[in-house]
Amino acid sequence: MPNLLPCPFCGREPYCTESVNGTNMLYIGCSRCGVSIKAKKIFYPGRTEWSRDIKVVWNRRAESAEAENRRLREAVATIQTRATEVLENCNKGHAEFVDVRWLLPLTEAALQPRPTEPQK
C-alpha cells in the first residue's frame, strides 16, 4: 500500500487505524480537522480484503486539493498582474475607472506559502 499524504485541508499527518470493537473497519483521518474516510473488511473463502483501497482514496483526495490550490494560486497571480497593469496605466495618465490598489497586498499575502505543521 502507498504511503499516506498529509491532510488535504490542513497539512497534518493523518492517522490510520483499524477498529478494535469488532466492526472490521479501517479508518484514515485527521485529528485536527476531523475529516475521515473508512473501509470495511470483507471476508472471502481463503482471503480477506478491504472494500476499497482506502489509502489510494485518501491520497487521490489530497492530490485533488493540491491541484485546486495550484489553480487558485494561478488565478490570484493573474489578478495581481492585471491590477499592476491597471495601476501602471493610471500612473501614465491612462485613467481607468476602477481603483484596484487594495488588491495588491491581498494577492501578495495569498501567494505566500502556508505552513503545513501546526503552530506551536
PDB file of N, CA and C in Angstrom:
ATOM      1  N   MET A   1       0.839  -1.190   0.000  1.00  0.00           N
ATOM      2  CA  MET A   1       0.000   0.000   0.000  1.00  0.00           C
ATOM      3  C   MET A   1       0.879   1.247   0.000  1.00  0.00           C
ATOM      4  N   PRO A   2       0.396   2.327  -0.615  1.00  0.00           N
ATOM      5  CA  PRO A   2       1.199   3.558  -0.683  1.00  0.00           C
ATOM      6  C   PRO A   2       1.252   4.275   0.665  1.00  0.00           C
ATOM      7  N   ASN A   3       2.262   5.124   0.816  1.00  0.00           N
ATOM      8  CA  ASN A   3       2.332   5.975   2.000  1.00  0.00           C
ATOM      9  C   ASN A   3       1.223   7.003   1.935  1.00  0.00           C
ATOM     10  N   LEU A   4       0.772   7.456   3.098  1.00  0.00           N
ATOM     11  CA  LEU A   4      -0.305   8.446   3.145  1.00  0.00           C
ATOM     12  C   LEU A   4       0.237   9.853   2.963  1.00  0.00           C
ATOM     13  N   LEU A   5      -0.464  10.630   2.160  1.00  0.00           N
ATOM     14  CA  LEU A   5      -0.143  12.046   2.007  1.00  0.00           C
ATOM     15  C   LEU A   5      -0.752  12.813   3.165  1.00  0.00           C
ATOM     16  N   PRO A   6      -0.265  14.031   3.448  1.00  0.00           N
ATOM     17  CA  PRO A   6      -0.836  14.834   4.532  1.00  0.00           C
ATOM     18  C   PRO A   6      -2.309  15.160   4.284  1.00  0.00           C
ATOM     19  N   CYS A   7      -2.969  15.610   5.330  1.00  0.00           N
ATOM     20  CA  CYS A   7      -4.370  16.018   5.240  1.00  0.00           C
ATOM     21  C   CYS A   7      -4.522  17.078   4.146  1.00  0.00           C
ATOM     22  N   PRO A   8      -5.504  16.926   3.247  1.00  0.00           N
ATOM     23  CA  PRO A   8      -5.648  17.897   2.160  1.00  0.00           C
ATOM     24  C   PRO A   8      -6.159  19.255   2.623  1.00  0.00           C
ATOM     25  N   PHE A   9      -6.637  19.349   3.865  1.00  0.00           N
ATOM     26  CA  PHE A   9      -7.195  20.609   4.351  1.00  0.00           C
ATOM     27  C   PHE A   9      -6.240  21.390   5.234  1.00  0.00           C
ATOM     28  N   CYS A  10      -5.443  20.691   6.066  1.00  0.00           N
ATOM     29  CA  CYS A  10      -4.566  21.436   6.985  1.00  0.00           C
ATOM     30  C   CYS A  10      -3.105  21.017   6.902  1.00  0.00           C
ATOM     31  N   GLY A  11      -2.791  19.924   6.214  1.00  0.00           N
ATOM     32  CA  GLY A  11      -1.403  19.501   6.062  1.00  0.00           C
ATOM     33  C   GLY A  11      -0.876  18.610   7.165  1.00  0.00           C
ATOM     34  N   ARG A  12      -1.683  18.305   8.174  1.00  0.00           N
ATOM     35  CA  ARG A  12      -1.231  17.455   9.274  1.00  0.00           C
ATOM     36  C   ARG A  12      -1.117  16.002   8.800  1.00  0.00           C
ATOM     37  N   GLU A  13      -0.202  15.259   9.417  1.00  0.00           N
ATOM     38  CA  GLU A  13      -0.060  13.842   9.116  1.00  0.00           C
ATOM     39  C   GLU A  13      -1.334  13.122   9.552  1.00  0.00           C
ATOM     40  N   PRO A  14      -1.894  12.260   8.695  1.00  0.00           N
ATOM     41  CA  PRO A  14      -3.129  11.560   9.043  1.00  0.00           C
ATOM     42  C   PRO A  14      -2.868  10.356   9.940  1.00  0.00           C
ATOM     43  N   TYR A  15      -3.924   9.907  10.596  1.00  0.00           N
ATOM     44  CA  TYR A  15      -3.840   8.660  11.346  1.00  0.00           C
ATOM     45  C   TYR A  15      -4.464   7.550  10.500  1.00  0.00           C
ATOM     46  N   CYS A  16      -4.068   6.328  10.750  1.00  0.00           N
ATOM     47  CA  CYS A  16      -4.631   5.152  10.081  1.00  0.00           C
ATOM     48  C   CYS A  16      -4.799   4.099  11.155  1.00  0.00           C
ATOM     49  N   THR A  17      -6.043   3.706  11.407  1.00  0.00           N
ATOM     50  CA  THR A  17      -6.296   2.763  12.486  1.00  0.00           C
ATOM     51  C   THR A  17      -7.367   1.763  12.101  1.00  0.00           C
ATOM     52  N   GLU A  18      -7.194   0.549  12.561  1.00  0.00           N
ATOM     53  CA  GLU A  18      -8.185  -0.495  12.357  1.00  0.00           C
ATOM     54  C   GLU A  18      -9.026  -0.579  13.622  1.00  0.00           C
ATOM     55  N   SER A  19     -10.336  -0.738  13.448  1.00  0.00           N
ATOM     56  CA  SER A  19     -11.219  -0.772  14.609  1.00  0.00           C
ATOM     57  C   SER A  19     -10.882  -1.965  15.493  1.00  0.00           C
ATOM     58  N   VAL A  20     -11.112  -1.773  16.779  1.00  0.00           N
ATOM     59  CA  VAL A  20     -10.846  -2.840  17.738  1.00  0.00           C
ATOM     60  C   VAL A  20     -12.134  -3.341  18.381  1.00  0.00           C
ATOM     61  N   ASN A  21     -13.267  -2.825  17.921  1.00  0.00           N
ATOM     62  CA  ASN A  21     -14.546  -3.206  18.539  1.00  0.00           C
ATOM     63  C   ASN A  21     -15.312  -4.240  17.732  1.00  0.00           C
ATOM     64  N   GLY A  22     -14.646  -4.913  16.817  1.00  0.00           N
ATOM     65  CA  GLY A  22     -15.282  -5.982  16.068  1.00  0.00           C
ATOM     66  C   GLY A  22     -16.049  -5.550  14.830  1.00  0.00           C
ATOM     67  N   THR A  23     -15.955  -4.286  14.425  1.00  0.00           N
ATOM     68  CA  THR A  23     -16.682  -3.834  13.236  1.00  0.00           C
ATOM     69  C   THR A  23     -15.902  -4.064  11.954  1.00  0.00           C
ATOM     70  N   ASN A  24     -14.645  -4.466  12.067  1.00  0.00           N
ATOM     71  CA  ASN A  24     -13.801  -4.741  10.903  1.00  0.00           C
ATOM     72  C   ASN A  24     -13.716  -3.545   9.960  1.00  0.00           C
ATOM     73  N   MET A  25     -13.476  -2.375  10.511  1.00  0.00           N
ATOM     74  CA  MET A  25     -13.361  -1.151   9.724  1.00  0.00           C
ATOM     75  C   MET A  25     -11.939  -0.612   9.828  1.00  0.00           C
ATOM     76  N   LEU A  26     -11.497   0.040   8.750  1.00  0.00           N
ATOM     77  CA  LEU A  26     -10.203   0.726   8.720  1.00  0.00           C
ATOM     78  C   LEU A  26     -10.496   2.208   8.510  1.00  0.00           C
ATOM     79  N   TYR A  27      -9.919   3.055   9.339  1.00  0.00           N
ATOM     80  CA  TYR A  27     -10.166   4.489   9.276  1.00  0.00           C
ATOM     81  C   TYR A  27      -8.871   5.230   8.967  1.00  0.00           C
ATOM     82  N   ILE A  28      -8.967   6.248   8.116  1.00  0.00           N
ATOM     83  CA  ILE A  28      -7.878   7.193   7.891  1.00  0.00           C
ATOM     84  C   ILE A  28      -8.491   8.570   8.075  1.00  0.00           C
ATOM     85  N   GLY A  29      -7.806   9.427   8.810  1.00  0.00           N
ATOM     86  CA  GLY A  29      -8.359  10.757   9.030  1.00  0.00           C
ATOM     87  C   GLY A  29      -7.353  11.705   9.630  1.00  0.00           C
ATOM     88  N   CYS A  30      -7.855  12.866  10.008  1.00  0.00           N
ATOM     89  CA  CYS A  30      -7.037  13.937  10.571  1.00  0.00           C
ATOM     90  C   CYS A  30      -7.579  14.296  11.942  1.00  0.00           C
ATOM     91  N   SER A  31      -6.716  14.278  12.941  1.00  0.00           N
ATOM     92  CA  SER A  31      -7.157  14.606  14.302  1.00  0.00           C
ATOM     93  C   SER A  31      -7.378  16.103  14.487  1.00  0.00           C
ATOM     94  N   ARG A  32      -6.829  16.942  13.591  1.00  0.00           N
ATOM     95  CA  ARG A  32      -7.053  18.386  13.702  1.00  0.00           C
ATOM     96  C   ARG A  32      -8.377  18.778  13.045  1.00  0.00           C
ATOM     97  N   CYS A  33      -8.583  18.378  11.798  1.00  0.00           N
ATOM     98  CA  CYS A  33      -9.777  18.781  11.040  1.00  0.00           C
ATOM     99  C   CYS A  33     -11.003  17.933  11.353  1.00  0.00           C
ATOM    100  N   GLY A  34     -10.777  16.684  11.715  1.00  0.00           N
ATOM    101  CA  GLY A  34     -11.892  15.777  11.948  1.00  0.00           C
ATOM    102  C   GLY A  34     -12.364  15.052  10.697  1.00  0.00           C
ATOM    103  N   VAL A  35     -11.758  15.329   9.551  1.00  0.00           N
ATOM    104  CA  VAL A  35     -12.142  14.652   8.322  1.00  0.00           C
ATOM    105  C   VAL A  35     -11.619  13.217   8.372  1.00  0.00           C
ATOM    106  N   SER A  36     -12.451  12.267   7.884  1.00  0.00           N
ATOM    107  CA  SER A  36     -12.004  10.879   7.867  1.00  0.00           C
ATOM    108  C   SER A  36     -12.732  10.099   6.778  1.00  0.00           C
ATOM    109  N   ILE A  37     -12.150   8.974   6.394  1.00  0.00           N
ATOM    110  CA  ILE A  37     -12.781   8.034   5.473  1.00  0.00           C
ATOM    111  C   ILE A  37     -12.619   6.651   6.077  1.00  0.00           C
ATOM    112  N   LYS A  38     -13.436   5.706   5.622  1.00  0.00           N
ATOM    113  CA  LYS A  38     -13.360   4.370   6.189  1.00  0.00           C
ATOM    114  C   LYS A  38     -13.596   3.321   5.109  1.00  0.00           C
ATOM    115  N   ALA A  39     -13.153   2.101   5.417  1.00  0.00           N
ATOM    116  CA  ALA A  39     -13.369   0.954   4.531  1.00  0.00           C
ATOM    117  C   ALA A  39     -13.695  -0.247   5.405  1.00  0.00           C
ATOM    118  N   LYS A  40     -14.505  -1.131   4.896  1.00  0.00           N
ATOM    119  CA  LYS A  40     -14.897  -2.326   5.631  1.00  0.00           C
ATOM    120  C   LYS A  40     -14.108  -3.527   5.129  1.00  0.00           C
ATOM    121  N   LYS A  41     -13.723  -4.393   6.072  1.00  0.00           N
ATOM    122  CA  LYS A  41     -13.020  -5.623   5.722  1.00  0.00           C
ATOM    123  C   LYS A  41     -14.047  -6.644   5.238  1.00  0.00           C
ATOM    124  N   ILE A  42     -13.767  -7.249   4.091  1.00  0.00           N
ATOM    125  CA  ILE A  42     -14.659  -8.248   3.510  1.00  0.00           C
ATOM    126  C   ILE A  42     -13.947  -9.598   3.545  1.00  0.00           C
ATOM    127  N   PHE A  43     -14.651 -10.613   4.036  1.00  0.00           N
ATOM    128  CA  PHE A  43     -14.065 -11.940   4.167  1.00  0.00           C
ATOM    129  C   PHE A  43     -14.566 -12.824   3.030  1.00  0.00           C
ATOM    130  N   TYR A  44     -13.626 -13.379   2.277  1.00  0.00           N
ATOM    131  CA  TYR A  44     -13.915 -14.330   1.214  1.00  0.00           C
ATOM    132  C   TYR A  44     -13.303 -15.674   1.614  1.00  0.00           C
ATOM    133  N   PRO A  45     -13.800 -16.770   1.052  1.00  0.00           N
ATOM    134  CA  PRO A  45     -13.161 -18.060   1.367  1.00  0.00           C
ATOM    135  C   PRO A  45     -11.677 -18.026   0.989  1.00  0.00           C
ATOM    136  N   GLY A  46     -10.828 -18.189   1.964  1.00  0.00           N
ATOM    137  CA  GLY A  46      -9.393 -18.257   1.712  1.00  0.00           C
ATOM    138  C   GLY A  46      -8.673 -16.920   1.645  1.00  0.00           C
ATOM    139  N   ARG A  47      -9.397 -15.797   1.719  1.00  0.00           N
ATOM    140  CA  ARG A  47      -8.717 -14.496   1.678  1.00  0.00           C
ATOM    141  C   ARG A  47      -9.596 -13.422   2.309  1.00  0.00           C
ATOM    142  N   THR A  48      -8.949 -12.323   2.642  1.00  0.00           N
ATOM    143  CA  THR A  48      -9.618 -11.159   3.226  1.00  0.00           C
ATOM    144  C   THR A  48      -9.117  -9.926   2.501  1.00  0.00           C
ATOM    145  N   GLU A  49     -10.000  -8.989   2.210  1.00  0.00           N
ATOM    146  CA  GLU A  49      -9.562  -7.727   1.601  1.00  0.00           C
ATOM    147  C   GLU A  49     -10.474  -6.602   2.063  1.00  0.00           C
ATOM    148  N   TRP A  50     -10.028  -5.384   1.804  1.00  0.00           N
ATOM    149  CA  TRP A  50     -10.817  -4.217   2.172  1.00  0.00           C
ATOM    150  C   TRP A  50     -11.795  -3.898   1.047  1.00  0.00           C
ATOM    151  N   SER A  51     -12.925  -3.267   1.401  1.00  0.00           N
ATOM    152  CA  SER A  51     -13.954  -2.940   0.410  1.00  0.00           C
ATOM    153  C   SER A  51     -13.439  -1.955  -0.638  1.00  0.00           C
ATOM    154  N   ARG A  52     -12.430  -1.191  -0.320  1.00  0.00           N
ATOM    155  CA  ARG A  52     -11.776  -0.290  -1.271  1.00  0.00           C
ATOM    156  C   ARG A  52     -10.361  -0.052  -0.776  1.00  0.00           C
ATOM    157  N   ASP A  53      -9.496   0.320  -1.686  1.00  0.00           N
ATOM    158  CA  ASP A  53      -8.126   0.626  -1.292  1.00  0.00           C
ATOM    159  C   ASP A  53      -8.128   2.017  -0.671  1.00  0.00           C
ATOM    160  N   ILE A  54      -8.373   2.059   0.612  1.00  0.00           N
ATOM    161  CA  ILE A  54      -8.612   3.307   1.331  1.00  0.00           C
ATOM    162  C   ILE A  54      -7.420   4.265   1.259  1.00  0.00           C
ATOM    163  N   LYS A  55      -6.215   3.740   1.236  1.00  0.00           N
ATOM    164  CA  LYS A  55      -5.040   4.622   1.167  1.00  0.00           C
ATOM    165  C   LYS A  55      -4.957   5.314  -0.189  1.00  0.00           C
ATOM    166  N   VAL A  56      -5.320   4.617  -1.249  1.00  0.00           N
ATOM    167  CA  VAL A  56      -5.339   5.240  -2.580  1.00  0.00           C
ATOM    168  C   VAL A  56      -6.415   6.327  -2.625  1.00  0.00           C
ATOM    169  N   VAL A  57      -7.570   6.045  -2.023  1.00  0.00           N
ATOM    170  CA  VAL A  57      -8.655   7.035  -1.983  1.00  0.00           C
ATOM    171  C   VAL A  57      -8.205   8.281  -1.220  1.00  0.00           C
ATOM    172  N   TRP A  58      -7.575   8.112  -0.056  1.00  0.00           N
ATOM    173  CA  TRP A  58      -7.097   9.260   0.725  1.00  0.00           C
ATOM    174  C   TRP A  58      -6.095  10.081  -0.082  1.00  0.00           C
ATOM    175  N   ASN A  59      -5.157   9.431  -0.724  1.00  0.00           N
ATOM    176  CA  ASN A  59      -4.134  10.146  -1.475  1.00  0.00           C
ATOM    177  C   ASN A  59      -4.711  10.833  -2.704  1.00  0.00           C
ATOM    178  N   ARG A  60      -5.674  10.243  -3.365  1.00  0.00           N
ATOM    179  CA  ARG A  60      -6.304  10.879  -4.524  1.00  0.00           C
ATOM    180  C   ARG A  60      -6.996  12.168  -4.085  1.00  0.00           C
ATOM    181  N   ARG A  61      -7.626  12.141  -2.979  1.00  0.00           N
ATOM    182  CA  ARG A  61      -8.312  13.313  -2.460  1.00  0.00           C
ATOM    183  C   ARG A  61      -7.311  14.425  -2.149  1.00  0.00           C
ATOM    184  N   ALA A  62      -6.174  14.062  -1.569  1.00  0.00           N
ATOM    185  CA  ALA A  62      -5.156  15.069  -1.263  1.00  0.00           C
ATOM    186  C   ALA A  62      -4.592  15.660  -2.548  1.00  0.00           C
ATOM    187  N   GLU A  63      -4.401  14.833  -3.577  1.00  0.00           N
ATOM    188  CA  GLU A  63      -3.889  15.339  -4.846  1.00  0.00           C
ATOM    189  C   GLU A  63      -4.879  16.313  -5.476  1.00  0.00           C
ATOM    190  N   SER A  64      -6.176  16.057  -5.350  1.00  0.00           N
ATOM    191  CA  SER A  64      -7.184  16.957  -5.898  1.00  0.00           C
ATOM    192  C   SER A  64      -7.121  18.313  -5.207  1.00  0.00           C
ATOM    193  N   ALA A  65      -6.918  18.312  -3.892  1.00  0.00           N
ATOM    194  CA  ALA A  65      -6.812  19.573  -3.157  1.00  0.00           C
ATOM    195  C   ALA A  65      -5.576  20.347  -3.602  1.00  0.00           C
ATOM    196  N   GLU A  66      -4.474  19.646  -3.825  1.00  0.00           N
ATOM    197  CA  GLU A  66      -3.260  20.315  -4.284  1.00  0.00           C
ATOM    198  C   GLU A  66      -3.469  20.932  -5.665  1.00  0.00           C
ATOM    199  N   ALA A  67      -4.178  20.233  -6.541  1.00  0.00           N
ATOM    200  CA  ALA A  67      -4.460  20.775  -7.873  1.00  0.00           C
ATOM    201  C   ALA A  67      -5.346  22.007  -7.770  1.00  0.00           C
ATOM    202  N   GLU A  68      -6.334  21.976  -6.893  1.00  0.00           N
ATOM    203  CA  GLU A  68      -7.217  23.131  -6.705  1.00  0.00           C
ATOM    204  C   GLU A  68      -6.435  24.310  -6.145  1.00  0.00           C
ATOM    205  N   ASN A  69      -5.561  24.073  -5.178  1.00  0.00           N
ATOM    206  CA  ASN A  69      -4.734  25.150  -4.628  1.00  0.00           C
ATOM    207  C   ASN A  69      -3.837  25.757  -5.696  1.00  0.00           C
ATOM    208  N   ARG A  70      -3.266  24.927  -6.559  1.00  0.00           N
ATOM    209  CA  ARG A  70      -2.418  25.419  -7.650  1.00  0.00           C
ATOM    210  C   ARG A  70      -3.238  26.298  -8.598  1.00  0.00           C
ATOM    211  N   ARG A  71      -4.463  25.850  -8.921  1.00  0.00           N
ATOM    212  CA  ARG A  71      -5.343  26.625  -9.797  1.00  0.00           C
ATOM    213  C   ARG A  71      -5.676  27.975  -9.168  1.00  0.00           C
ATOM    214  N   LEU A  72      -5.961  27.986  -7.874  1.00  0.00           N
ATOM    215  CA  LEU A  72      -6.291  29.246  -7.193  1.00  0.00           C
ATOM    216  C   LEU A  72      -5.092  30.185  -7.147  1.00  0.00           C
ATOM    217  N   ARG A  73      -3.888  29.645  -6.905  1.00  0.00           N
ATOM    218  CA  ARG A  73      -2.691  30.493  -6.902  1.00  0.00           C
ATOM    219  C   ARG A  73      -2.467  31.123  -8.265  1.00  0.00           C
ATOM    220  N   GLU A  74      -2.713  30.357  -9.331  1.00  0.00           N
ATOM    221  CA  GLU A  74      -2.572  30.904 -10.685  1.00  0.00           C
ATOM    222  C   GLU A  74      -3.601  32.007 -10.933  1.00  0.00           C
ATOM    223  N   ALA A  75      -4.828  31.823 -10.446  1.00  0.00           N
ATOM    224  CA  ALA A  75      -5.863  32.845 -10.618  1.00  0.00           C
ATOM    225  C   ALA A  75      -5.497  34.122  -9.868  1.00  0.00           C
ATOM    226  N   VAL A  76      -4.980  33.968  -8.656  1.00  0.00           N
ATOM    227  CA  VAL A  76      -4.568  35.144  -7.878  1.00  0.00           C
ATOM    228  C   VAL A  76      -3.418  35.857  -8.571  1.00  0.00           C
ATOM    229  N   ALA A  77      -2.472  35.113  -9.133  1.00  0.00           N
ATOM    230  CA  ALA A  77      -1.357  35.729  -9.846  1.00  0.00           C
ATOM    231  C   ALA A  77      -1.853  36.509 -11.061  1.00  0.00           C
ATOM    232  N   THR A  78      -2.853  35.982 -11.756  1.00  0.00           N
ATOM    233  CA  THR A  78      -3.432  36.687 -12.902  1.00  0.00           C
ATOM    234  C   THR A  78      -4.090  37.987 -12.455  1.00  0.00           C
ATOM    235  N   ILE A  79      -4.816  37.931 -11.350  1.00  0.00           N
ATOM    236  CA  ILE A  79      -5.447  39.144 -10.813  1.00  0.00           C
ATOM    237  C   ILE A  79      -4.383  40.171 -10.438  1.00  0.00           C
ATOM    238  N   GLN A  80      -3.325  39.704  -9.807  1.00  0.00           N
ATOM    239  CA  GLN A  80      -2.258  40.615  -9.394  1.00  0.00           C
ATOM    240  C   GLN A  80      -1.600  41.266 -10.609  1.00  0.00           C
ATOM    241  N   THR A  81      -1.352  40.500 -11.647  1.00  0.00           N
ATOM    242  CA  THR A  81      -0.755  41.040 -12.872  1.00  0.00           C
ATOM    243  C   THR A  81      -1.659  42.099 -13.486  1.00  0.00           C
ATOM    244  N   ARG A  82      -2.937  41.800 -13.581  1.00  0.00           N
ATOM    245  CA  ARG A  82      -3.887  42.767 -14.167  1.00  0.00           C
ATOM    246  C   ARG A  82      -3.982  44.032 -13.314  1.00  0.00           C
ATOM    247  N   ALA A  83      -4.000  43.867 -12.000  1.00  0.00           N
ATOM    248  CA  ALA A  83      -4.065  45.034 -11.113  1.00  0.00           C
ATOM    249  C   ALA A  83      -2.836  45.914 -11.285  1.00  0.00           C
ATOM    250  N   THR A  84      -1.675  45.291 -11.430  1.00  0.00           N
ATOM    251  CA  THR A  84      -0.445  46.058 -11.645  1.00  0.00           C
ATOM    252  C   THR A  84      -0.500  46.809 -12.966  1.00  0.00           C
ATOM    253  N   GLU A  85      -1.007  46.160 -14.022  1.00  0.00           N
ATOM    254  CA  GLU A  85      -1.141  46.823 -15.322  1.00  0.00           C
ATOM    255  C   GLU A  85      -2.072  48.032 -15.230  1.00  0.00           C
ATOM    256  N   VAL A  86      -3.181  47.890 -14.525  1.00  0.00           N
ATOM    257  CA  VAL A  86      -4.132  48.999 -14.384  1.00  0.00           C
ATOM    258  C   VAL A  86      -3.466  50.157 -13.655  1.00  0.00           C
ATOM    259  N   LEU A  87      -2.732  49.858 -12.567  1.00  0.00           N
ATOM    260  CA  LEU A  87      -2.054  50.925 -11.824  1.00  0.00           C
ATOM    261  C   LEU A  87      -0.994  51.614 -12.680  1.00  0.00           C
ATOM    262  N   GLU A  88      -0.255  50.847 -13.461  1.00  0.00           N
ATOM    263  CA  GLU A  88       0.762  51.452 -14.334  1.00  0.00           C
ATOM    264  C   GLU A  88       0.111  52.357 -15.370  1.00  0.00           C
ATOM    265  N   ASN A  89      -1.019  51.941 -15.928  1.00  0.00           N
ATOM    266  CA  ASN A  89      -1.739  52.783 -16.893  1.00  0.00           C
ATOM    267  C   ASN A  89      -2.264  54.048 -16.246  1.00  0.00           C
ATOM    268  N   CYS A  90      -2.728  53.933 -15.004  1.00  0.00           N
ATOM    269  CA  CYS A  90      -3.204  55.122 -14.288  1.00  0.00           C
ATOM    270  C   CYS A  90      -2.058  56.102 -14.062  1.00  0.00           C
ATOM    271  N   ASN A  91      -0.884  55.568 -13.722  1.00  0.00           N
ATOM    272  CA  ASN A  91       0.276  56.413 -13.487  1.00  0.00           C
ATOM    273  C   ASN A  91       0.763  57.089 -14.764  1.00  0.00           C
ATOM    274  N   LYS A  92       0.478  56.496 -15.929  1.00  0.00           N
ATOM    275  CA  LYS A  92       0.875  57.073 -17.208  1.00  0.00           C
ATOM    276  C   LYS A  92      -0.179  58.039 -17.744  1.00  0.00           C
ATOM    277  N   GLY A  93      -1.243  58.239 -16.991  1.00  0.00           N
ATOM    278  CA  GLY A  93      -2.288  59.157 -17.452  1.00  0.00           C
ATOM    279  C   GLY A  93      -3.409  58.470 -18.201  1.00  0.00           C
ATOM    280  N   HIS A  94      -3.362  57.182 -18.336  1.00  0.00           N
ATOM    281  CA  HIS A  94      -4.454  56.448 -18.980  1.00  0.00           C
ATOM    282  C   HIS A  94      -5.415  55.994 -17.888  1.00  0.00           C
ATOM    283  N   ALA A  95      -6.256  56.886 -17.460  1.00  0.00           N
ATOM    284  CA  ALA A  95      -7.130  56.625 -16.312  1.00  0.00           C
ATOM    285  C   ALA A  95      -8.102  55.488 -16.600  1.00  0.00           C
ATOM    286  N   GLU A  96      -8.211  54.611 -15.646  1.00  0.00           N
ATOM    287  CA  GLU A  96      -9.248  53.587 -15.668  1.00  0.00           C
ATOM    288  C   GLU A  96     -10.153  53.869 -14.482  1.00  0.00           C
ATOM    289  N   PHE A  97     -11.380  53.452 -14.566  1.00  0.00           N
ATOM    290  CA  PHE A  97     -12.381  53.844 -13.585  1.00  0.00           C
ATOM    291  C   PHE A  97     -12.375  53.007 -12.315  1.00  0.00           C
ATOM    292  N   VAL A  98     -11.581  51.977 -12.253  1.00  0.00           N
ATOM    293  CA  VAL A  98     -11.577  51.103 -11.086  1.00  0.00           C
ATOM    294  C   VAL A  98     -10.273  51.278 -10.328  1.00  0.00           C
ATOM    295  N   ASP A  99     -10.388  51.566  -9.042  1.00  0.00           N
ATOM    296  CA  ASP A  99      -9.208  51.667  -8.195  1.00  0.00           C
ATOM    297  C   ASP A  99      -8.939  50.285  -7.605  1.00  0.00           C
ATOM    298  N   VAL A 100      -7.866  49.663  -8.036  1.00  0.00           N
ATOM    299  CA  VAL A 100      -7.578  48.299  -7.615  1.00  0.00           C
ATOM    300  C   VAL A 100      -6.349  48.211  -6.713  1.00  0.00           C
ATOM    301  N   ARG A 101      -5.918  49.329  -6.181  1.00  0.00           N
ATOM    302  CA  ARG A 101      -4.719  49.297  -5.337  1.00  0.00           C
ATOM    303  C   ARG A 101      -4.896  48.383  -4.125  1.00  0.00           C
ATOM    304  N   TRP A 102      -6.120  48.228  -3.639  1.00  0.00           N
ATOM    305  CA  TRP A 102      -6.368  47.374  -2.482  1.00  0.00           C
ATOM    306  C   TRP A 102      -6.116  45.895  -2.796  1.00  0.00           C
ATOM    307  N   LEU A 103      -6.085  45.522  -4.089  1.00  0.00           N
ATOM    308  CA  LEU A 103      -5.865  44.123  -4.457  1.00  0.00           C
ATOM    309  C   LEU A 103      -4.420  43.670  -4.229  1.00  0.00           C
ATOM    310  N   LEU A 104      -3.472  44.583  -4.383  1.00  0.00           N
ATOM    311  CA  LEU A 104      -2.067  44.176  -4.342  1.00  0.00           C
ATOM    312  C   LEU A 104      -1.652  43.523  -3.022  1.00  0.00           C
ATOM    313  N   PRO A 105      -1.914  44.146  -1.857  1.00  0.00           N
ATOM    314  CA  PRO A 105      -1.498  43.468  -0.625  1.00  0.00           C
ATOM    315  C   PRO A 105      -2.244  42.154  -0.398  1.00  0.00           C
ATOM    316  N   LEU A 106      -3.496  42.092  -0.810  1.00  0.00           N
ATOM    317  CA  LEU A 106      -4.263  40.860  -0.633  1.00  0.00           C
ATOM    318  C   LEU A 106      -3.685  39.726  -1.470  1.00  0.00           C
ATOM    319  N   THR A 107      -3.358  40.027  -2.708  1.00  0.00           N
ATOM    320  CA  THR A 107      -2.837  38.968  -3.570  1.00  0.00           C
ATOM    321  C   THR A 107      -1.429  38.562  -3.153  1.00  0.00           C
ATOM    322  N   GLU A 108      -0.624  39.512  -2.688  1.00  0.00           N
ATOM    323  CA  GLU A 108       0.713  39.150  -2.211  1.00  0.00           C
ATOM    324  C   GLU A 108       0.614  38.231  -1.003  1.00  0.00           C
ATOM    325  N   ALA A 109      -0.305  38.523  -0.088  1.00  0.00           N
ATOM    326  CA  ALA A 109      -0.480  37.677   1.092  1.00  0.00           C
ATOM    327  C   ALA A 109      -0.990  36.298   0.695  1.00  0.00           C
ATOM    328  N   ALA A 110      -1.877  36.240  -0.288  1.00  0.00           N
ATOM    329  CA  ALA A 110      -2.438  34.954  -0.720  1.00  0.00           C
ATOM    330  C   ALA A 110      -1.388  34.068  -1.371  1.00  0.00           C
ATOM    331  N   LEU A 111      -0.372  34.663  -1.966  1.00  0.00           N
ATOM    332  CA  LEU A 111       0.653  33.879  -2.646  1.00  0.00           C
ATOM    333  C   LEU A 111       1.728  33.354  -1.703  1.00  0.00           C
ATOM    334  N   GLN A 112       1.733  33.804  -0.454  1.00  0.00           N
ATOM    335  CA  GLN A 112       2.721  33.329   0.499  1.00  0.00           C
ATOM    336  C   GLN A 112       2.426  31.872   0.846  1.00  0.00           C
ATOM    337  N   PRO A 113       3.454  31.015   0.926  1.00  0.00           N
ATOM    338  CA  PRO A 113       3.209  29.618   1.303  1.00  0.00           C
ATOM    339  C   PRO A 113       2.696  29.544   2.734  1.00  0.00           C
ATOM    340  N   ARG A 114       1.778  28.630   2.944  1.00  0.00           N
ATOM    341  CA  ARG A 114       1.211  28.448   4.271  1.00  0.00           C
ATOM    342  C   ARG A 114       1.918  27.288   4.950  1.00  0.00           C
ATOM    343  N   PRO A 115       2.111  27.380   6.269  1.00  0.00           N
ATOM    344  CA  PRO A 115       2.795  26.282   6.975  1.00  0.00           C
ATOM    345  C   PRO A 115       1.953  25.031   6.945  1.00  0.00           C
ATOM    346  N   THR A 116       2.621  23.874   6.859  1.00  0.00           N
ATOM    347  CA  THR A 116       1.910  22.606   6.892  1.00  0.00           C
ATOM    348  C   THR A 116       1.944  21.979   8.280  1.00  0.00           C
ATOM    349  N   GLU A 117       2.794  22.482   9.138  1.00  0.00           N
ATOM    350  CA  GLU A 117       2.879  21.993  10.502  1.00  0.00           C
ATOM    351  C   GLU A 117       2.067  22.912  11.415  1.00  0.00           C
ATOM    352  N   PRO A 118       1.485  22.367  12.470  1.00  0.00           N
ATOM    353  CA  PRO A 118       0.720  23.212  13.391  1.00  0.00           C
ATOM    354  C   PRO A 118       1.598  24.256  14.069  1.00  0.00           C
ATOM    355  N   GLN A 119       1.024  25.424  14.312  1.00  0.00           N
ATOM    356  CA  GLN A 119       1.746  26.483  15.017  1.00  0.00           C
ATOM    357  C   GLN A 119       1.899  26.091  16.484  1.00  0.00           C
ATOM    358  N   LYS A 120       3.088  26.347  17.034  1.00  0.00           N
ATOM    359  CA  LYS A 120       3.315  25.996  18.457  1.00  0.00           C
ATOM    360  C   LYS A 120       3.423  27.234  19.285  1.00  0.00           C
TER     361      LYS A 120
END
